[in-house]
PDB file of N, CA and C in Angstrom:
ATOM      1  N   LEU A   1       9.256   0.499  -5.536  1.00  0.00           N
ATOM      2  CA  LEU A   1       8.229   0.729  -4.531  1.00  0.00           C
ATOM      3  C   LEU A   1       6.845   0.316  -5.022  1.00  0.00           C
ATOM      4  N   LYS A   2       6.709   0.238  -6.323  1.00  0.00           N
ATOM      5  CA  LYS A   2       5.414  -0.143  -6.877  1.00  0.00           C
ATOM      6  C   LYS A   2       5.280  -1.649  -7.063  1.00  0.00           C
ATOM      7  N   GLY A   3       6.362  -2.383  -6.902  1.00  0.00           N
ATOM      8  CA  GLY A   3       6.360  -3.814  -7.150  1.00  0.00           C
ATOM      9  C   GLY A   3       5.609  -4.610  -6.097  1.00  0.00           C
ATOM     10  N   ALA A   4       5.529  -5.896  -6.321  1.00  0.00           N
ATOM     11  CA  ALA A   4       4.774  -6.783  -5.446  1.00  0.00           C
ATOM     12  C   ALA A   4       5.637  -7.431  -4.359  1.00  0.00           C
ATOM     13  N   LYS A   5       6.947  -7.196  -4.383  1.00  0.00           N
ATOM     14  CA  LYS A   5       7.825  -7.843  -3.410  1.00  0.00           C
ATOM     15  C   LYS A   5       7.477  -7.413  -1.991  1.00  0.00           C
ATOM     16  N   ARG A   6       7.648  -8.364  -1.069  1.00  0.00           N
ATOM     17  CA  ARG A   6       7.356  -8.084   0.334  1.00  0.00           C
ATOM     18  C   ARG A   6       8.577  -8.307   1.219  1.00  0.00           C
ATOM     19  N   HIS A   7       9.751  -8.122   0.638  1.00  0.00           N
ATOM     20  CA  HIS A   7      10.974  -8.214   1.431  1.00  0.00           C
ATOM     21  C   HIS A   7      11.098  -6.952   2.282  1.00  0.00           C
ATOM     22  N   ARG A   8      11.646  -7.110   3.468  1.00  0.00           N
ATOM     23  CA  ARG A   8      11.776  -5.984   4.397  1.00  0.00           C
ATOM     24  C   ARG A   8      12.526  -4.813   3.772  1.00  0.00           C
ATOM     25  N   THR A   9      13.484  -5.124   2.898  1.00  0.00           N
ATOM     26  CA  THR A   9      14.271  -4.064   2.264  1.00  0.00           C
ATOM     27  C   THR A   9      13.432  -3.200   1.333  1.00  0.00           C
ATOM     28  N   VAL A  10      12.285  -3.700   0.935  1.00  0.00           N
ATOM     29  CA  VAL A  10      11.384  -2.947   0.060  1.00  0.00           C
ATOM     30  C   VAL A  10      10.174  -2.429   0.838  1.00  0.00           C
ATOM     31  N   VAL A  11       9.699  -3.208   1.784  1.00  0.00           N
ATOM     32  CA  VAL A  11       8.468  -2.867   2.502  1.00  0.00           C
ATOM     33  C   VAL A  11       8.632  -1.605   3.337  1.00  0.00           C
ATOM     34  N   VAL A  12       9.714  -1.495   4.078  1.00  0.00           N
ATOM     35  CA  VAL A  12       9.895  -0.328   4.953  1.00  0.00           C
ATOM     36  C   VAL A  12      10.003   0.959   4.140  1.00  0.00           C
ATOM     37  N   PRO A  13      10.836   1.027   3.106  1.00  0.00           N
ATOM     38  CA  PRO A  13      10.857   2.254   2.300  1.00  0.00           C
ATOM     39  C   PRO A  13       9.496   2.563   1.663  1.00  0.00           C
ATOM     40  N   ARG A  14       8.763   1.521   1.265  1.00  0.00           N
ATOM     41  CA  ARG A  14       7.441   1.736   0.684  1.00  0.00           C
ATOM     42  C   ARG A  14       6.496   2.357   1.715  1.00  0.00           C
ATOM     43  N   MET A  15       6.533   1.837   2.947  1.00  0.00           N
ATOM     44  CA  MET A  15       5.662   2.389   3.991  1.00  0.00           C
ATOM     45  C   MET A  15       6.054   3.822   4.333  1.00  0.00           C
ATOM     46  N   ILE A  16       7.350   4.114   4.339  1.00  0.00           N
ATOM     47  CA  ILE A  16       7.785   5.492   4.584  1.00  0.00           C
ATOM     48  C   ILE A  16       7.267   6.400   3.480  1.00  0.00           C
ATOM     49  N   ALA A  17       7.384   5.956   2.245  1.00  0.00           N
ATOM     50  CA  ALA A  17       6.902   6.764   1.122  1.00  0.00           C
ATOM     51  C   ALA A  17       5.390   6.987   1.202  1.00  0.00           C
ATOM     52  N   MET A  18       4.634   5.941   1.532  1.00  0.00           N
ATOM     53  CA  MET A  18       3.184   6.092   1.666  1.00  0.00           C
ATOM     54  C   MET A  18       2.851   7.055   2.799  1.00  0.00           C
ATOM     55  N   TYR A  19       3.575   6.938   3.907  1.00  0.00           N
ATOM     56  CA  TYR A  19       3.372   7.832   5.052  1.00  0.00           C
ATOM     57  C   TYR A  19       3.607   9.289   4.637  1.00  0.00           C
ATOM     58  N   LEU A  20       4.696   9.528   3.908  1.00  0.00           N
ATOM     59  CA  LEU A  20       5.019  10.893   3.508  1.00  0.00           C
ATOM     60  C   LEU A  20       4.012  11.456   2.501  1.00  0.00           C
ATOM     61  N   VAL A  21       3.557  10.617   1.596  1.00  0.00           N
ATOM     62  CA  VAL A  21       2.538  11.066   0.645  1.00  0.00           C
ATOM     63  C   VAL A  21       1.264  11.428   1.401  1.00  0.00           C
ATOM     64  N   ARG A  22       0.881  10.608   2.339  1.00  0.00           N
ATOM     65  CA  ARG A  22      -0.321  10.863   3.143  1.00  0.00           C
ATOM     66  C   ARG A  22      -0.178  12.146   3.956  1.00  0.00           C
ATOM     67  N   LYS A  23       1.008  12.334   4.539  1.00  0.00           N
ATOM     68  CA  LYS A  23       1.247  13.484   5.410  1.00  0.00           C
ATOM     69  C   LYS A  23       1.316  14.804   4.644  1.00  0.00           C
ATOM     70  N   HIS A  24       1.903  14.778   3.455  1.00  0.00           N
ATOM     71  CA  HIS A  24       2.204  16.026   2.749  1.00  0.00           C
ATOM     72  C   HIS A  24       1.315  16.317   1.547  1.00  0.00           C
ATOM     73  N   THR A  25       0.322  15.470   1.317  1.00  0.00           N
ATOM     74  CA  THR A  25      -0.617  15.735   0.225  1.00  0.00           C
ATOM     75  C   THR A  25      -2.032  15.524   0.738  1.00  0.00           C
ATOM     76  N   SER A  26      -2.974  15.864  -0.082  1.00  0.00           N
ATOM     77  CA  SER A  26      -4.377  15.626   0.269  1.00  0.00           C
ATOM     78  C   SER A  26      -4.920  14.394  -0.443  1.00  0.00           C
ATOM     79  N   ALA A  27      -4.017  13.540  -0.935  1.00  0.00           N
ATOM     80  CA  ALA A  27      -4.435  12.331  -1.650  1.00  0.00           C
ATOM     81  C   ALA A  27      -5.165  11.384  -0.708  1.00  0.00           C
ATOM     82  N   SER A  28      -6.189  10.747  -1.230  1.00  0.00           N
ATOM     83  CA  SER A  28      -6.951   9.788  -0.438  1.00  0.00           C
ATOM     84  C   SER A  28      -6.183   8.469  -0.335  1.00  0.00           C
ATOM     85  N   LEU A  29      -6.592   7.638   0.604  1.00  0.00           N
ATOM     86  CA  LEU A  29      -5.954   6.329   0.763  1.00  0.00           C
ATOM     87  C   LEU A  29      -6.037   5.490  -0.513  1.00  0.00           C
ATOM     88  N   PRO A  30      -7.223   5.423  -1.169  1.00  0.00           N
ATOM     89  CA  PRO A  30      -7.271   4.662  -2.428  1.00  0.00           C
ATOM     90  C   PRO A  30      -6.350   5.237  -3.507  1.00  0.00           C
ATOM     91  N   ASP A  31      -6.243   6.580  -3.572  1.00  0.00           N
ATOM     92  CA  ASP A  31      -5.350   7.196  -4.559  1.00  0.00           C
ATOM     93  C   ASP A  31      -3.891   6.827  -4.283  1.00  0.00           C
ATOM     94  N   ILE A  32      -3.503   6.862  -3.025  1.00  0.00           N
ATOM     95  CA  ILE A  32      -2.133   6.494  -2.662  1.00  0.00           C
ATOM     96  C   ILE A  32      -1.889   5.026  -2.991  1.00  0.00           C
ATOM     97  N   GLY A  33      -2.863   4.182  -2.702  1.00  0.00           N
ATOM     98  CA  GLY A  33      -2.738   2.764  -3.033  1.00  0.00           C
ATOM     99  C   GLY A  33      -2.525   2.534  -4.516  1.00  0.00           C
ATOM    100  N   ARG A  34      -3.244   3.274  -5.334  1.00  0.00           N
ATOM    101  CA  ARG A  34      -3.065   3.158  -6.793  1.00  0.00           C
ATOM    102  C   ARG A  34      -1.666   3.597  -7.204  1.00  0.00           C
ATOM    103  N   LEU A  35      -1.146   4.649  -6.580  1.00  0.00           N
ATOM    104  CA  LEU A  35       0.207   5.124  -6.894  1.00  0.00           C
ATOM    105  C   LEU A  35       1.271   4.075  -6.579  1.00  0.00           C
ATOM    106  N   PHE A  36       1.017   3.264  -5.586  1.00  0.00           N
ATOM    107  CA  PHE A  36       1.990   2.266  -5.148  1.00  0.00           C
ATOM    108  C   PHE A  36       1.625   0.874  -5.636  1.00  0.00           C
ATOM    109  N   GLY A  37       1.299   0.758  -6.878  1.00  0.00           N
ATOM    110  CA  GLY A  37       1.113  -0.546  -7.499  1.00  0.00           C
ATOM    111  C   GLY A  37      -0.245  -1.171  -7.312  1.00  0.00           C
ATOM    112  N   GLY A  38      -1.277  -0.360  -7.094  1.00  0.00           N
ATOM    113  CA  GLY A  38      -2.626  -0.888  -6.994  1.00  0.00           C
ATOM    114  C   GLY A  38      -2.938  -1.527  -5.653  1.00  0.00           C
ATOM    115  N   ARG A  39      -2.320  -1.035  -4.605  1.00  0.00           N
ATOM    116  CA  ARG A  39      -2.580  -1.586  -3.276  1.00  0.00           C
ATOM    117  C   ARG A  39      -3.924  -1.109  -2.747  1.00  0.00           C
ATOM    118  N   ASP A  40      -4.483  -1.899  -1.865  1.00  0.00           N
ATOM    119  CA  ASP A  40      -5.763  -1.585  -1.238  1.00  0.00           C
ATOM    120  C   ASP A  40      -5.580  -0.427  -0.256  1.00  0.00           C
ATOM    121  N   HIS A  41      -6.644   0.322  -0.030  1.00  0.00           N
ATOM    122  CA  HIS A  41      -6.556   1.456   0.892  1.00  0.00           C
ATOM    123  C   HIS A  41      -6.221   1.013   2.310  1.00  0.00           C
ATOM    124  N   THR A  42      -6.620  -0.194   2.686  1.00  0.00           N
ATOM    125  CA  THR A  42      -6.304  -0.673   4.039  1.00  0.00           C
ATOM    126  C   THR A  42      -4.805  -0.966   4.188  1.00  0.00           C
ATOM    127  N   THR A  43      -4.156  -1.340   3.103  1.00  0.00           N
ATOM    128  CA  THR A  43      -2.704  -1.542   3.125  1.00  0.00           C
ATOM    129  C   THR A  43      -2.000  -0.218   3.375  1.00  0.00           C
ATOM    130  N   VAL A  44      -2.475   0.830   2.720  1.00  0.00           N
ATOM    131  CA  VAL A  44      -1.908   2.164   2.918  1.00  0.00           C
ATOM    132  C   VAL A  44      -2.144   2.614   4.354  1.00  0.00           C
ATOM    133  N   LEU A  45      -3.349   2.409   4.850  1.00  0.00           N
ATOM    134  CA  LEU A  45      -3.684   2.794   6.215  1.00  0.00           C
ATOM    135  C   LEU A  45      -2.783   2.076   7.217  1.00  0.00           C
ATOM    136  N   HIS A  46      -2.591   0.777   7.010  1.00  0.00           N
ATOM    137  CA  HIS A  46      -1.716  -0.001   7.888  1.00  0.00           C
ATOM    138  C   HIS A  46      -0.292   0.555   7.852  1.00  0.00           C
ATOM    139  N   GLY A  47       0.218   0.839   6.666  1.00  0.00           N
ATOM    140  CA  GLY A  47       1.575   1.362   6.529  1.00  0.00           C
ATOM    141  C   GLY A  47       1.740   2.707   7.218  1.00  0.00           C
ATOM    142  N   CYS A  48       0.759   3.580   7.071  1.00  0.00           N
ATOM    143  CA  CYS A  48       0.824   4.901   7.709  1.00  0.00           C
ATOM    144  C   CYS A  48       0.762   4.782   9.224  1.00  0.00           C
ATOM    145  N   ARG A  49      -0.098   3.931   9.715  1.00  0.00           N
ATOM    146  CA  ARG A  49      -0.194   3.732  11.165  1.00  0.00           C
ATOM    147  C   ARG A  49       1.091   3.125  11.721  1.00  0.00           C
ATOM    148  N   LYS A  50       1.631   2.159  11.012  1.00  0.00           N
ATOM    149  CA  LYS A  50       2.868   1.519  11.458  1.00  0.00           C
ATOM    150  C   LYS A  50       4.014   2.517  11.472  1.00  0.00           C
ATOM    151  N   MET A  51       4.100   3.365  10.461  1.00  0.00           N
ATOM    152  CA  MET A  51       5.174   4.348  10.434  1.00  0.00           C
ATOM    153  C   MET A  51       4.999   5.375  11.541  1.00  0.00           C
ATOM    154  N   THR A  52       3.784   5.789  11.827  1.00  0.00           N
ATOM    155  CA  THR A  52       3.532   6.710  12.929  1.00  0.00           C
ATOM    156  C   THR A  52       4.009   6.091  14.234  1.00  0.00           C
ATOM    157  N   TYR A  53       3.695   4.819  14.443  1.00  0.00           N
ATOM    158  CA  TYR A  53       4.131   4.087  15.634  1.00  0.00           C
ATOM    159  C   TYR A  53       5.653   3.999  15.686  1.00  0.00           C
ATOM    160  N   ASP A  54       6.269   3.599  14.560  1.00  0.00           N
ATOM    161  CA  ASP A  54       7.724   3.427  14.518  1.00  0.00           C
ATOM    162  C   ASP A  54       8.455   4.748  14.716  1.00  0.00           C
ATOM    163  N   ILE A  55       7.955   5.824  14.143  1.00  0.00           N
ATOM    164  CA  ILE A  55       8.577   7.139  14.286  1.00  0.00           C
ATOM    165  C   ILE A  55       8.560   7.577  15.748  1.00  0.00           C
ATOM    166  N   ALA A  56       7.467   7.298  16.429  1.00  0.00           N
ATOM    167  CA  ALA A  56       7.339   7.697  17.827  1.00  0.00           C
ATOM    168  C   ALA A  56       8.250   6.881  18.742  1.00  0.00           C
ATOM    169  N   ARG A  57       8.583   5.658  18.358  1.00  0.00           N
ATOM    170  CA  ARG A  57       9.318   4.774  19.254  1.00  0.00           C
ATOM    171  C   ARG A  57      10.746   4.438  18.840  1.00  0.00           C
ATOM    172  N   ASN A  58      11.102   4.760  17.613  1.00  0.00           N
ATOM    173  CA  ASN A  58      12.424   4.393  17.124  1.00  0.00           C
ATOM    174  C   ASN A  58      13.144   5.638  16.598  1.00  0.00           C
ATOM    175  N   PRO A  59      14.150   6.115  17.325  1.00  0.00           N
ATOM    176  CA  PRO A  59      14.856   7.329  16.901  1.00  0.00           C
ATOM    177  C   PRO A  59      15.532   7.201  15.530  1.00  0.00           C
ATOM    178  N   GLU A  60      15.960   5.995  15.165  1.00  0.00           N
ATOM    179  CA  GLU A  60      16.586   5.798  13.854  1.00  0.00           C
ATOM    180  C   GLU A  60      15.580   6.035  12.735  1.00  0.00           C
ATOM    181  N   VAL A  61      14.384   5.505  12.897  1.00  0.00           N
ATOM    182  CA  VAL A  61      13.337   5.704  11.893  1.00  0.00           C
ATOM    183  C   VAL A  61      12.954   7.178  11.850  1.00  0.00           C
ATOM    184  N   GLN A  62      12.822   7.785  13.020  1.00  0.00           N
ATOM    185  CA  GLN A  62      12.452   9.193  13.091  1.00  0.00           C
ATOM    186  C   GLN A  62      13.474  10.064  12.361  1.00  0.00           C
ATOM    187  N   SER A  63      14.756   9.825  12.593  1.00  0.00           N
ATOM    188  CA  SER A  63      15.775  10.642  11.927  1.00  0.00           C
ATOM    189  C   SER A  63      15.821  10.372  10.432  1.00  0.00           C
ATOM    190  N   ALA A  64      15.570   9.137  10.018  1.00  0.00           N
ATOM    191  CA  ALA A  64      15.550   8.817   8.590  1.00  0.00           C
ATOM    192  C   ALA A  64      14.411   9.543   7.891  1.00  0.00           C
ATOM    193  N   VAL A  65      13.235   9.536   8.507  1.00  0.00           N
ATOM    194  CA  VAL A  65      12.080  10.221   7.913  1.00  0.00           C
ATOM    195  C   VAL A  65      12.320  11.728   7.879  1.00  0.00           C
ATOM    196  N   GLN A  66      12.886  12.272   8.941  1.00  0.00           N
ATOM    197  CA  GLN A  66      13.193  13.704   8.968  1.00  0.00           C
ATOM    198  C   GLN A  66      14.207  14.075   7.894  1.00  0.00           C
ATOM    199  N   ALA A  67      15.197  13.216   7.675  1.00  0.00           N
ATOM    200  CA  ALA A  67      16.198  13.475   6.632  1.00  0.00           C
ATOM    201  C   ALA A  67      15.554  13.486   5.253  1.00  0.00           C
ATOM    202  N   ILE A  68      14.632  12.582   5.017  1.00  0.00           N
ATOM    203  CA  ILE A  68      13.914  12.547   3.739  1.00  0.00           C
ATOM    204  C   ILE A  68      13.092  13.804   3.561  1.00  0.00           C
ATOM    205  N   GLU A  69      12.382  14.204   4.618  1.00  0.00           N
ATOM    206  CA  GLU A  69      11.561  15.414   4.539  1.00  0.00           C
ATOM    207  C   GLU A  69      12.437  16.644   4.302  1.00  0.00           C
ATOM    208  N   THR A  70      13.577  16.709   4.935  1.00  0.00           N
ATOM    209  CA  THR A  70      14.497  17.832   4.727  1.00  0.00           C
ATOM    210  C   THR A  70      14.990  17.853   3.290  1.00  0.00           C
ATOM    211  N   ALA A  71      15.360  16.692   2.773  1.00  0.00           N
ATOM    212  CA  ALA A  71      15.831  16.599   1.386  1.00  0.00           C
ATOM    213  C   ALA A  71      14.752  17.013   0.400  1.00  0.00           C
ATOM    214  N   LEU A  72      13.500  16.745   0.761  1.00  0.00           N
ATOM    215  CA  LEU A  72      12.382  17.118  -0.120  1.00  0.00           C
ATOM    216  C   LEU A  72      11.952  18.572   0.084  1.00  0.00           C
ATOM    217  N   GLY A  73      12.520  19.214   1.112  1.00  0.00           N
ATOM    218  CA  GLY A  73      12.164  20.600   1.374  1.00  0.00           C
ATOM    219  C   GLY A  73      10.857  20.755   2.126  1.00  0.00           C
ATOM    220  N   LYS A  74      10.485  19.785   2.917  1.00  0.00           N
ATOM    221  CA  LYS A  74       9.226  19.832   3.671  1.00  0.00           C
ATOM    222  C   LYS A  74       9.478  20.211   5.096  1.00  0.00           C
TER     223      LYS A  74
END
């Protein structure tokens, strides 16, 4: 998740992880970006917004995120 690859198989899980970190912590966008390989805060913002959009419109994404949150005890 910290790597530079931009393949869909890596990007979507990375955006989900950034979304969850943003949702469940008080970390700032720049802090989250640093955690994920030195990404810019706007990249984190884009990922969080995209995941919010996808969760609202795609039941598969919504259930996947809920399963992760359940596994994490959130």
